[in-house]
Amino acid sequence: MRRGVGILATVLRVIGMIIFAILVIHILLVVFDANQANAFATFIRSGANLFSLGLTDLFTPKDPKVAVGVNYGIAAVVWLVITGIVVGLVRRVRF
Protein backbone atom coordinates (compact mmCIF):
# COMPACT_ATOMS: atom_id res chain seq x y z
CA MET A 1 0.00 0.00 0.00
CA ARG A 2 2.89 2.36 0.75
CA ARG A 3 4.15 1.98 -2.81
CA GLY A 4 0.74 3.05 -4.15
CA VAL A 5 0.92 6.22 -2.06
CA GLY A 6 4.37 6.94 -3.47
CA ILE A 7 3.15 6.44 -7.03
CA LEU A 8 0.15 8.70 -6.41
CA ALA A 9 2.40 11.40 -4.93
CA THR A 10 4.71 11.18 -7.95
CA VAL A 11 1.79 11.44 -10.39
CA LEU A 12 0.43 14.49 -8.55
CA ARG A 13 3.87 16.12 -8.53
CA VAL A 14 4.26 15.54 -12.29
CA ILE A 15 0.82 17.04 -12.96
CA GLY A 16 1.71 20.08 -10.85
CA MET A 17 5.00 20.51 -12.69
CA ILE A 18 3.25 20.30 -16.07
CA ILE A 19 0.81 23.04 -15.01
CA PHE A 20 3.74 25.15 -13.76
CA ALA A 21 5.58 24.61 -17.06
CA ILE A 22 2.53 25.66 -19.12
CA LEU A 23 2.27 28.91 -17.16
CA VAL A 24 5.99 29.68 -17.45
CA ILE A 25 6.08 28.83 -21.18
CA HIS A 26 3.12 31.17 -21.71
CA ILE A 27 4.99 33.97 -19.94
CA LEU A 28 8.06 33.37 -22.10
CA LEU A 29 6.05 33.28 -25.33
CA VAL A 30 4.45 36.63 -24.48
CA VAL A 31 7.65 38.31 -23.28
CA PHE A 32 9.58 37.22 -26.38
CA ASP A 33 6.75 38.21 -28.77
CA ALA A 34 5.87 34.78 -30.10
CA ASN A 35 3.35 34.65 -32.93
CA GLN A 36 0.09 34.40 -30.98
CA ALA A 37 -1.65 32.87 -34.01
CA ASN A 38 0.75 29.90 -33.94
CA ALA A 39 -0.94 26.61 -32.96
CA PHE A 40 1.56 25.87 -30.17
CA ALA A 41 1.25 29.39 -28.72
CA THR A 42 -2.54 29.12 -28.88
CA PHE A 43 -2.46 25.74 -27.12
CA ILE A 44 -0.19 27.05 -24.37
CA ARG A 45 -2.27 30.23 -23.95
CA SER A 46 -5.46 28.17 -23.59
CA GLY A 47 -3.83 25.95 -20.98
CA ALA A 48 -2.39 28.93 -19.11
CA ASN A 49 -5.81 30.60 -19.03
CA LEU A 50 -7.33 27.37 -17.71
CA PHE A 51 -4.79 27.12 -14.88
CA SER A 52 -4.44 30.84 -14.06
CA LEU A 53 -6.73 30.55 -11.01
CA GLY A 54 -8.50 33.75 -12.01
CA LEU A 55 -5.33 35.79 -11.47
CA THR A 56 -4.95 37.05 -15.05
CA ASP A 57 -6.01 40.58 -14.09
CA LEU A 58 -4.90 40.77 -10.46
CA PHE A 59 -2.38 43.50 -11.31
CA THR A 60 -2.81 45.83 -14.28
CA PRO A 61 0.48 47.56 -15.08
CA LYS A 62 0.63 49.64 -18.25
CA ASP A 63 2.96 47.19 -20.01
CA PRO A 64 0.96 44.08 -21.02
CA LYS A 65 4.11 41.93 -20.93
CA VAL A 66 4.70 42.87 -17.32
CA ALA A 67 1.05 42.13 -16.55
CA VAL A 68 1.35 38.63 -18.02
CA GLY A 69 4.65 38.02 -16.26
CA VAL A 70 3.38 39.10 -12.86
CA ASN A 71 -0.11 37.63 -12.96
CA TYR A 72 0.72 34.29 -14.55
CA GLY A 73 3.92 34.16 -12.50
CA ILE A 74 1.89 34.42 -9.30
CA ALA A 75 -0.40 31.65 -10.57
CA ALA A 76 2.65 29.48 -11.30
CA VAL A 77 4.01 29.99 -7.77
CA VAL A 78 0.60 29.22 -6.28
CA TRP A 79 0.51 25.96 -8.26
CA LEU A 80 3.96 25.05 -6.93
CA VAL A 81 2.77 25.66 -3.37
CA ILE A 82 -0.49 23.74 -3.89
CA THR A 83 1.41 20.85 -5.44
CA GLY A 84 3.89 20.75 -2.57
CA ILE A 85 1.14 20.78 0.04
CA VAL A 86 -0.97 18.10 -1.67
CA VAL A 87 2.02 15.83 -2.32
CA GLY A 88 3.15 16.27 1.29
CA LEU A 89 -0.30 15.35 2.59
CA VAL A 90 -0.52 12.30 0.33
CA ARG A 91 2.89 11.08 1.50
CA ARG A 92 1.77 11.37 5.13
CA VAL A 93 -1.28 9.14 4.63
CA ARG A 94 -0.99 5.97 6.67
CA PHE A 95 -2.89 2.84 5.73
PDB file of N, CA and C in Angstrom:
ATOM      1  N   MET A   1       0.823  -1.201   0.000  1.00  0.00           N
ATOM      2  CA  MET A   1       0.000   0.000   0.000  1.00  0.00           C
ATOM      3  C   MET A   1       0.867   1.265   0.000  1.00  0.00           C
ATOM      4  N   ARG A   2       2.000   1.204   0.680  1.00  0.00           N
ATOM      5  CA  ARG A   2       2.894   2.364   0.746  1.00  0.00           C
ATOM      6  C   ARG A   2       3.421   2.742  -0.638  1.00  0.00           C
ATOM      7  N   ARG A   3       3.662   1.711  -1.464  1.00  0.00           N
ATOM      8  CA  ARG A   3       4.150   1.979  -2.813  1.00  0.00           C
ATOM      9  C   ARG A   3       3.095   2.721  -3.636  1.00  0.00           C
ATOM     10  N   GLY A   4       1.833   2.375  -3.451  1.00  0.00           N
ATOM     11  CA  GLY A   4       0.739   3.055  -4.147  1.00  0.00           C
ATOM     12  C   GLY A   4       0.668   4.521  -3.783  1.00  0.00           C
ATOM     13  N   VAL A   5       0.905   4.833  -2.510  1.00  0.00           N
ATOM     14  CA  VAL A   5       0.916   6.224  -2.059  1.00  0.00           C
ATOM     15  C   VAL A   5       2.073   6.976  -2.726  1.00  0.00           C
ATOM     16  N   GLY A   6       3.223   6.316  -2.812  1.00  0.00           N
ATOM     17  CA  GLY A   6       4.372   6.939  -3.468  1.00  0.00           C
ATOM     18  C   GLY A   6       4.120   7.213  -4.939  1.00  0.00           C
ATOM     19  N   ILE A   7       3.483   6.263  -5.605  1.00  0.00           N
ATOM     20  CA  ILE A   7       3.151   6.444  -7.027  1.00  0.00           C
ATOM     21  C   ILE A   7       2.157   7.583  -7.200  1.00  0.00           C
ATOM     22  N   LEU A   8       1.137   7.627  -6.335  1.00  0.00           N
ATOM     23  CA  LEU A   8       0.148   8.704  -6.408  1.00  0.00           C
ATOM     24  C   LEU A   8       0.813  10.060  -6.185  1.00  0.00           C
ATOM     25  N   ALA A   9       1.702  10.140  -5.201  1.00  0.00           N
ATOM     26  CA  ALA A   9       2.403  11.397  -4.931  1.00  0.00           C
ATOM     27  C   ALA A   9       3.240  11.821  -6.131  1.00  0.00           C
ATOM     28  N   THR A  10       3.892  10.871  -6.770  1.00  0.00           N
ATOM     29  CA  THR A  10       4.705  11.183  -7.951  1.00  0.00           C
ATOM     30  C   THR A  10       3.840  11.680  -9.099  1.00  0.00           C
ATOM     31  N   VAL A  11       2.707  11.024  -9.317  1.00  0.00           N
ATOM     32  CA  VAL A  11       1.788  11.440 -10.392  1.00  0.00           C
ATOM     33  C   VAL A  11       1.287  12.863 -10.127  1.00  0.00           C
ATOM     34  N   LEU A  12       0.913  13.141  -8.889  1.00  0.00           N
ATOM     35  CA  LEU A  12       0.431  14.485  -8.550  1.00  0.00           C
ATOM     36  C   LEU A  12       1.527  15.534  -8.728  1.00  0.00           C
ATOM     37  N   ARG A  13       2.751  15.187  -8.357  1.00  0.00           N
ATOM     38  CA  ARG A  13       3.869  16.120  -8.528  1.00  0.00           C
ATOM     39  C   ARG A  13       4.109  16.406 -10.019  1.00  0.00           C
ATOM     40  N   VAL A  14       4.051  15.370 -10.851  1.00  0.00           N
ATOM     41  CA  VAL A  14       4.257  15.544 -12.295  1.00  0.00           C
ATOM     42  C   VAL A  14       3.158  16.436 -12.880  1.00  0.00           C
ATOM     43  N   ILE A  15       1.927  16.208 -12.471  1.00  0.00           N
ATOM     44  CA  ILE A  15       0.817  17.044 -12.961  1.00  0.00           C
ATOM     45  C   ILE A  15       1.042  18.496 -12.553  1.00  0.00           C
ATOM     46  N   GLY A  16       1.431  18.721 -11.313  1.00  0.00           N
ATOM     47  CA  GLY A  16       1.707  20.078 -10.850  1.00  0.00           C
ATOM     48  C   GLY A  16       2.836  20.738 -11.625  1.00  0.00           C
ATOM     49  N   MET A  17       3.877  19.978 -11.934  1.00  0.00           N
ATOM     50  CA  MET A  17       5.004  20.512 -12.692  1.00  0.00           C
ATOM     51  C   MET A  17       4.607  20.831 -14.137  1.00  0.00           C
ATOM     52  N   ILE A  18       3.730  20.029 -14.713  1.00  0.00           N
ATOM     53  CA  ILE A  18       3.247  20.302 -16.072  1.00  0.00           C
ATOM     54  C   ILE A  18       2.452  21.603 -16.088  1.00  0.00           C
ATOM     55  N   ILE A  19       1.588  21.797 -15.102  1.00  0.00           N
ATOM     56  CA  ILE A  19       0.813  23.042 -15.010  1.00  0.00           C
ATOM     57  C   ILE A  19       1.756  24.230 -14.846  1.00  0.00           C
ATOM     58  N   PHE A  20       2.744  24.098 -13.961  1.00  0.00           N
ATOM     59  CA  PHE A  20       3.744  25.151 -13.757  1.00  0.00           C
ATOM     60  C   PHE A  20       4.456  25.463 -15.073  1.00  0.00           C
ATOM     61  N   ALA A  21       4.861  24.424 -15.793  1.00  0.00           N
ATOM     62  CA  ALA A  21       5.584  24.612 -17.059  1.00  0.00           C
ATOM     63  C   ALA A  21       4.717  25.337 -18.084  1.00  0.00           C
ATOM     64  N   ILE A  22       3.443  24.987 -18.170  1.00  0.00           N
ATOM     65  CA  ILE A  22       2.534  25.657 -19.117  1.00  0.00           C
ATOM     66  C   ILE A  22       2.471  27.150 -18.812  1.00  0.00           C
ATOM     67  N   LEU A  23       2.347  27.495 -17.540  1.00  0.00           N
ATOM     68  CA  LEU A  23       2.272  28.907 -17.157  1.00  0.00           C
ATOM     69  C   LEU A  23       3.568  29.641 -17.474  1.00  0.00           C
ATOM     70  N   VAL A  24       4.691  29.032 -17.187  1.00  0.00           N
ATOM     71  CA  VAL A  24       5.990  29.675 -17.453  1.00  0.00           C
ATOM     72  C   VAL A  24       6.241  29.800 -18.959  1.00  0.00           C
ATOM     73  N   ILE A  25       5.915  28.770 -19.718  1.00  0.00           N
ATOM     74  CA  ILE A  25       6.080  28.834 -21.181  1.00  0.00           C
ATOM     75  C   ILE A  25       5.210  29.946 -21.757  1.00  0.00           C
ATOM     76  N   HIS A  26       3.999  30.082 -21.242  1.00  0.00           N
ATOM     77  CA  HIS A  26       3.120  31.166 -21.709  1.00  0.00           C
ATOM     78  C   HIS A  26       3.769  32.527 -21.443  1.00  0.00           C
ATOM     79  N   ILE A  27       4.312  32.702 -20.258  1.00  0.00           N
ATOM     80  CA  ILE A  27       4.990  33.967 -19.939  1.00  0.00           C
ATOM     81  C   ILE A  27       6.120  34.218 -20.934  1.00  0.00           C
ATOM     82  N   LEU A  28       6.936  33.214 -21.178  1.00  0.00           N
ATOM     83  CA  LEU A  28       8.062  33.369 -22.097  1.00  0.00           C
ATOM     84  C   LEU A  28       7.606  33.681 -23.520  1.00  0.00           C
ATOM     85  N   LEU A  29       6.552  33.027 -23.973  1.00  0.00           N
ATOM     86  CA  LEU A  29       6.047  33.284 -25.325  1.00  0.00           C
ATOM     87  C   LEU A  29       5.553  34.723 -25.470  1.00  0.00           C
ATOM     88  N   VAL A  30       4.921  35.238 -24.424  1.00  0.00           N
ATOM     89  CA  VAL A  30       4.445  36.627 -24.476  1.00  0.00           C
ATOM     90  C   VAL A  30       5.615  37.602 -24.399  1.00  0.00           C
ATOM     91  N   VAL A  31       6.525  37.382 -23.473  1.00  0.00           N
ATOM     92  CA  VAL A  31       7.654  38.307 -23.279  1.00  0.00           C
ATOM     93  C   VAL A  31       8.533  38.376 -24.528  1.00  0.00           C
ATOM     94  N   PHE A  32       8.714  37.242 -25.194  1.00  0.00           N
ATOM     95  CA  PHE A  32       9.576  37.220 -26.376  1.00  0.00           C
ATOM     96  C   PHE A  32       8.799  37.378 -27.690  1.00  0.00           C
ATOM     97  N   ASP A  33       7.573  37.873 -27.604  1.00  0.00           N
ATOM     98  CA  ASP A  33       6.750  38.214 -28.773  1.00  0.00           C
ATOM     99  C   ASP A  33       6.531  37.057 -29.742  1.00  0.00           C
ATOM    100  N   ALA A  34       6.190  35.907 -29.232  1.00  0.00           N
ATOM    101  CA  ALA A  34       5.871  34.777 -30.103  1.00  0.00           C
ATOM    102  C   ALA A  34       4.617  35.092 -30.910  1.00  0.00           C
ATOM    103  N   ASN A  35       4.521  34.492 -32.074  1.00  0.00           N
ATOM    104  CA  ASN A  35       3.347  34.651 -32.927  1.00  0.00           C
ATOM    105  C   ASN A  35       2.151  34.034 -32.209  1.00  0.00           C
ATOM    106  N   GLN A  36       1.238  34.873 -31.749  1.00  0.00           N
ATOM    107  CA  GLN A  36       0.093  34.397 -30.976  1.00  0.00           C
ATOM    108  C   GLN A  36      -0.912  33.604 -31.815  1.00  0.00           C
ATOM    109  N   ALA A  37      -0.777  33.654 -33.136  1.00  0.00           N
ATOM    110  CA  ALA A  37      -1.651  32.872 -34.010  1.00  0.00           C
ATOM    111  C   ALA A  37      -1.109  31.459 -34.227  1.00  0.00           C
ATOM    112  N   ASN A  38       0.131  31.206 -33.800  1.00  0.00           N
ATOM    113  CA  ASN A  38       0.746  29.896 -33.941  1.00  0.00           C
ATOM    114  C   ASN A  38      -0.028  28.868 -33.117  1.00  0.00           C
ATOM    115  N   ALA A  39      -0.164  27.656 -33.634  1.00  0.00           N
ATOM    116  CA  ALA A  39      -0.941  26.611 -32.960  1.00  0.00           C
ATOM    117  C   ALA A  39      -0.377  26.275 -31.581  1.00  0.00           C
ATOM    118  N   PHE A  40       0.956  26.180 -31.471  1.00  0.00           N
ATOM    119  CA  PHE A  40       1.564  25.872 -30.173  1.00  0.00           C
ATOM    120  C   PHE A  40       1.298  26.997 -29.175  1.00  0.00           C
ATOM    121  N   ALA A  41       1.487  28.240 -29.603  1.00  0.00           N
ATOM    122  CA  ALA A  41       1.252  29.385 -28.719  1.00  0.00           C
ATOM    123  C   ALA A  41      -0.208  29.444 -28.287  1.00  0.00           C
ATOM    124  N   THR A  42      -1.113  29.142 -29.195  1.00  0.00           N
ATOM    125  CA  THR A  42      -2.541  29.125 -28.877  1.00  0.00           C
ATOM    126  C   THR A  42      -2.856  28.032 -27.861  1.00  0.00           C
ATOM    127  N   PHE A  43      -2.266  26.851 -28.048  1.00  0.00           N
ATOM    128  CA  PHE A  43      -2.465  25.738 -27.122  1.00  0.00           C
ATOM    129  C   PHE A  43      -1.967  26.102 -25.723  1.00  0.00           C
ATOM    130  N   ILE A  44      -0.768  26.665 -25.653  1.00  0.00           N
ATOM    131  CA  ILE A  44      -0.187  27.046 -24.366  1.00  0.00           C
ATOM    132  C   ILE A  44      -1.019  28.155 -23.718  1.00  0.00           C
ATOM    133  N   ARG A  45      -1.447  29.140 -24.488  1.00  0.00           N
ATOM    134  CA  ARG A  45      -2.268  30.227 -23.945  1.00  0.00           C
ATOM    135  C   ARG A  45      -3.572  29.695 -23.377  1.00  0.00           C
ATOM    136  N   SER A  46      -4.206  28.762 -24.084  1.00  0.00           N
ATOM    137  CA  SER A  46      -5.456  28.166 -23.593  1.00  0.00           C
ATOM    138  C   SER A  46      -5.218  27.433 -22.267  1.00  0.00           C
ATOM    139  N   GLY A  47      -4.146  26.661 -22.213  1.00  0.00           N
ATOM    140  CA  GLY A  47      -3.828  25.954 -20.978  1.00  0.00           C
ATOM    141  C   GLY A  47      -3.517  26.908 -19.844  1.00  0.00           C
ATOM    142  N   ALA A  48      -2.746  27.944 -20.136  1.00  0.00           N
ATOM    143  CA  ALA A  48      -2.391  28.931 -19.110  1.00  0.00           C
ATOM    144  C   ALA A  48      -3.641  29.627 -18.585  1.00  0.00           C
ATOM    145  N   ASN A  49      -4.562  29.959 -19.469  1.00  0.00           N
ATOM    146  CA  ASN A  49      -5.805  30.597 -19.026  1.00  0.00           C
ATOM    147  C   ASN A  49      -6.627  29.648 -18.159  1.00  0.00           C
ATOM    148  N   LEU A  50      -6.599  28.376 -18.490  1.00  0.00           N
ATOM    149  CA  LEU A  50      -7.333  27.372 -17.713  1.00  0.00           C
ATOM    150  C   LEU A  50      -6.764  27.263 -16.297  1.00  0.00           C
ATOM    151  N   PHE A  51      -5.445  27.334 -16.164  1.00  0.00           N
ATOM    152  CA  PHE A  51      -4.792  27.118 -14.877  1.00  0.00           C
ATOM    153  C   PHE A  51      -4.403  28.407 -14.157  1.00  0.00           C
ATOM    154  N   SER A  52      -4.859  29.552 -14.634  1.00  0.00           N
ATOM    155  CA  SER A  52      -4.439  30.841 -14.062  1.00  0.00           C
ATOM    156  C   SER A  52      -5.093  31.160 -12.724  1.00  0.00           C
ATOM    157  N   LEU A  53      -6.048  30.369 -12.292  1.00  0.00           N
ATOM    158  CA  LEU A  53      -6.731  30.551 -11.006  1.00  0.00           C
ATOM    159  C   LEU A  53      -7.428  31.898 -10.893  1.00  0.00           C
ATOM    160  N   GLY A  54      -7.808  32.468 -12.020  1.00  0.00           N
ATOM    161  CA  GLY A  54      -8.498  33.754 -12.013  1.00  0.00           C
ATOM    162  C   GLY A  54      -7.593  34.937 -11.707  1.00  0.00           C
ATOM    163  N   LEU A  55      -6.285  34.738 -11.811  1.00  0.00           N
ATOM    164  CA  LEU A  55      -5.330  35.791 -11.467  1.00  0.00           C
ATOM    165  C   LEU A  55      -4.845  36.589 -12.673  1.00  0.00           C
ATOM    166  N   THR A  56      -5.461  36.409 -13.827  1.00  0.00           N
ATOM    167  CA  THR A  56      -4.954  37.049 -15.047  1.00  0.00           C
ATOM    168  C   THR A  56      -5.043  38.569 -15.010  1.00  0.00           C
ATOM    169  N   ASP A  57      -5.897  39.119 -14.162  1.00  0.00           N
ATOM    170  CA  ASP A  57      -6.007  40.579 -14.087  1.00  0.00           C
ATOM    171  C   ASP A  57      -5.857  41.086 -12.658  1.00  0.00           C
ATOM    172  N   LEU A  58      -5.107  40.362 -11.851  1.00  0.00           N
ATOM    173  CA  LEU A  58      -4.897  40.769 -10.461  1.00  0.00           C
ATOM    174  C   LEU A  58      -4.169  42.111 -10.404  1.00  0.00           C
ATOM    175  N   PHE A  59      -3.114  42.238 -11.188  1.00  0.00           N
ATOM    176  CA  PHE A  59      -2.383  43.501 -11.313  1.00  0.00           C
ATOM    177  C   PHE A  59      -2.513  43.974 -12.748  1.00  0.00           C
ATOM    178  N   THR A  60      -2.616  45.281 -12.939  1.00  0.00           N
ATOM    179  CA  THR A  60      -2.807  45.826 -14.283  1.00  0.00           C
ATOM    180  C   THR A  60      -1.790  46.927 -14.593  1.00  0.00           C
ATOM    181  N   PRO A  61      -0.517  46.555 -14.682  1.00  0.00           N
ATOM    182  CA  PRO A  61       0.478  47.562 -15.077  1.00  0.00           C
ATOM    183  C   PRO A  61       0.255  47.996 -16.527  1.00  0.00           C
ATOM    184  N   LYS A  62       0.822  49.110 -16.894  1.00  0.00           N
ATOM    185  CA  LYS A  62       0.632  49.643 -18.254  1.00  0.00           C
ATOM    186  C   LYS A  62       1.212  48.725 -19.326  1.00  0.00           C
ATOM    187  N   ASP A  63       2.324  48.082 -19.043  1.00  0.00           N
ATOM    188  CA  ASP A  63       2.957  47.190 -20.011  1.00  0.00           C
ATOM    189  C   ASP A  63       2.295  45.805 -19.943  1.00  0.00           C
ATOM    190  N   PRO A  64       1.656  45.373 -21.042  1.00  0.00           N
ATOM    191  CA  PRO A  64       0.964  44.083 -21.017  1.00  0.00           C
ATOM    192  C   PRO A  64       1.897  42.890 -20.774  1.00  0.00           C
ATOM    193  N   LYS A  65       3.154  43.024 -21.182  1.00  0.00           N
ATOM    194  CA  LYS A  65       4.106  41.926 -20.934  1.00  0.00           C
ATOM    195  C   LYS A  65       4.379  41.781 -19.443  1.00  0.00           C
ATOM    196  N   VAL A  66       4.493  42.899 -18.768  1.00  0.00           N
ATOM    197  CA  VAL A  66       4.701  42.868 -17.319  1.00  0.00           C
ATOM    198  C   VAL A  66       3.465  42.286 -16.632  1.00  0.00           C
ATOM    199  N   ALA A  67       2.288  42.656 -17.124  1.00  0.00           N
ATOM    200  CA  ALA A  67       1.046  42.127 -16.551  1.00  0.00           C
ATOM    201  C   ALA A  67       1.004  40.612 -16.662  1.00  0.00           C
ATOM    202  N   VAL A  68       1.341  40.085 -17.835  1.00  0.00           N
ATOM    203  CA  VAL A  68       1.351  38.630 -18.025  1.00  0.00           C
ATOM    204  C   VAL A  68       2.400  37.999 -17.125  1.00  0.00           C
ATOM    205  N   GLY A  69       3.587  38.575 -17.081  1.00  0.00           N
ATOM    206  CA  GLY A  69       4.651  38.020 -16.256  1.00  0.00           C
ATOM    207  C   GLY A  69       4.283  37.958 -14.784  1.00  0.00           C
ATOM    208  N   VAL A  70       3.726  39.040 -14.278  1.00  0.00           N
ATOM    209  CA  VAL A  70       3.379  39.102 -12.858  1.00  0.00           C
ATOM    210  C   VAL A  70       2.190  38.199 -12.542  1.00  0.00           C
ATOM    211  N   ASN A  71       1.110  38.359 -13.280  1.00  0.00           N
ATOM    212  CA  ASN A  71      -0.114  37.630 -12.959  1.00  0.00           C
ATOM    213  C   ASN A  71       0.014  36.120 -13.176  1.00  0.00           C
ATOM    214  N   TYR A  72       0.541  35.720 -14.306  1.00  0.00           N
ATOM    215  CA  TYR A  72       0.716  34.288 -14.550  1.00  0.00           C
ATOM    216  C   TYR A  72       1.864  33.733 -13.708  1.00  0.00           C
ATOM    217  N   GLY A  73       2.842  34.576 -13.393  1.00  0.00           N
ATOM    218  CA  GLY A  73       3.919  34.157 -12.501  1.00  0.00           C
ATOM    219  C   GLY A  73       3.399  33.851 -11.107  1.00  0.00           C
ATOM    220  N   ILE A  74       2.502  34.685 -10.610  1.00  0.00           N
ATOM    221  CA  ILE A  74       1.887  34.422  -9.303  1.00  0.00           C
ATOM    222  C   ILE A  74       1.104  33.114  -9.351  1.00  0.00           C
ATOM    223  N   ALA A  75       0.351  32.906 -10.428  1.00  0.00           N
ATOM    224  CA  ALA A  75      -0.401  31.655 -10.565  1.00  0.00           C
ATOM    225  C   ALA A  75       0.541  30.452 -10.573  1.00  0.00           C
ATOM    226  N   ALA A  76       1.680  30.574 -11.250  1.00  0.00           N
ATOM    227  CA  ALA A  76       2.650  29.477 -11.300  1.00  0.00           C
ATOM    228  C   ALA A  76       3.187  29.164  -9.903  1.00  0.00           C
ATOM    229  N   VAL A  77       3.507  30.199  -9.134  1.00  0.00           N
ATOM    230  CA  VAL A  77       4.011  29.988  -7.774  1.00  0.00           C
ATOM    231  C   VAL A  77       2.934  29.359  -6.893  1.00  0.00           C
ATOM    232  N   VAL A  78       1.702  29.808  -7.046  1.00  0.00           N
ATOM    233  CA  VAL A  78       0.601  29.225  -6.279  1.00  0.00           C
ATOM    234  C   VAL A  78       0.466  27.737  -6.604  1.00  0.00           C
ATOM    235  N   TRP A  79       0.581  27.378  -7.886  1.00  0.00           N
ATOM    236  CA  TRP A  79       0.510  25.962  -8.262  1.00  0.00           C
ATOM    237  C   TRP A  79       1.652  25.166  -7.639  1.00  0.00           C
ATOM    238  N   LEU A  80       2.844  25.744  -7.581  1.00  0.00           N
ATOM    239  CA  LEU A  80       3.955  25.052  -6.927  1.00  0.00           C
ATOM    240  C   LEU A  80       3.654  24.801  -5.448  1.00  0.00           C
ATOM    241  N   VAL A  81       3.097  25.797  -4.787  1.00  0.00           N
ATOM    242  CA  VAL A  81       2.766  25.661  -3.371  1.00  0.00           C
ATOM    243  C   VAL A  81       1.666  24.622  -3.177  1.00  0.00           C
ATOM    244  N   ILE A  82       0.609  24.711  -3.980  1.00  0.00           N
ATOM    245  CA  ILE A  82      -0.488  23.743  -3.891  1.00  0.00           C
ATOM    246  C   ILE A  82       0.032  22.330  -4.122  1.00  0.00           C
ATOM    247  N   THR A  83       0.858  22.168  -5.141  1.00  0.00           N
ATOM    248  CA  THR A  83       1.414  20.847  -5.444  1.00  0.00           C
ATOM    249  C   THR A  83       2.226  20.326  -4.272  1.00  0.00           C
ATOM    250  N   GLY A  84       3.072  21.162  -3.709  1.00  0.00           N
ATOM    251  CA  GLY A  84       3.890  20.748  -2.575  1.00  0.00           C
ATOM    252  C   GLY A  84       3.058  20.329  -1.373  1.00  0.00           C
ATOM    253  N   ILE A  85       2.016  21.097  -1.087  1.00  0.00           N
ATOM    254  CA  ILE A  85       1.141  20.775   0.045  1.00  0.00           C
ATOM    255  C   ILE A  85       0.407  19.462  -0.194  1.00  0.00           C
ATOM    256  N   VAL A  86      -0.200  19.310  -1.366  1.00  0.00           N
ATOM    257  CA  VAL A  86      -0.971  18.097  -1.666  1.00  0.00           C
ATOM    258  C   VAL A  86      -0.065  16.865  -1.660  1.00  0.00           C
ATOM    259  N   VAL A  87       1.098  16.962  -2.289  1.00  0.00           N
ATOM    260  CA  VAL A  87       2.024  15.826  -2.319  1.00  0.00           C
ATOM    261  C   VAL A  87       2.484  15.493  -0.902  1.00  0.00           C
ATOM    262  N   GLY A  88       2.763  16.505  -0.101  1.00  0.00           N
ATOM    263  CA  GLY A  88       3.153  16.268   1.286  1.00  0.00           C
ATOM    264  C   GLY A  88       2.064  15.566   2.079  1.00  0.00           C
ATOM    265  N   LEU A  89       0.816  15.989   1.895  1.00  0.00           N
ATOM    266  CA  LEU A  89      -0.305  15.348   2.588  1.00  0.00           C
ATOM    267  C   LEU A  89      -0.485  13.904   2.140  1.00  0.00           C
ATOM    268  N   VAL A  90      -0.366  13.665   0.853  1.00  0.00           N
ATOM    269  CA  VAL A  90      -0.519  12.301   0.334  1.00  0.00           C
ATOM    270  C   VAL A  90       0.572  11.397   0.901  1.00  0.00           C
ATOM    271  N   ARG A  91       1.782  11.879   0.975  1.00  0.00           N
ATOM    272  CA  ARG A  91       2.895  11.078   1.504  1.00  0.00           C
ATOM    273  C   ARG A  91       2.728  10.767   2.994  1.00  0.00           C
ATOM    274  N   ARG A  92       1.978  11.605   3.708  1.00  0.00           N
ATOM    275  CA  ARG A  92       1.767  11.373   5.132  1.00  0.00           C
ATOM    276  C   ARG A  92       0.629  10.407   5.429  1.00  0.00           C
ATOM    277  N   VAL A  93      -0.143  10.052   4.431  1.00  0.00           N
ATOM    278  CA  VAL A  93      -1.280   9.141   4.635  1.00  0.00           C
ATOM    279  C   VAL A  93      -0.763   7.791   5.101  1.00  0.00           C
ATOM    280  N   ARG A  94      -1.368   7.275   6.126  1.00  0.00           N
ATOM    281  CA  ARG A  94      -0.990   5.967   6.672  1.00  0.00           C
ATOM    282  C   ARG A  94      -2.155   5.000   6.468  1.00  0.00           C
ATOM    283  N   PHE A  95      -1.841   3.859   5.938  1.00  0.00           N
ATOM    284  CA  PHE A  95      -2.889   2.835   5.735  1.00  0.00           C
ATOM    285  C   PHE A  95      -2.668   1.689   6.675  1.00  0.00           C
TER     286      PHE A  95
END
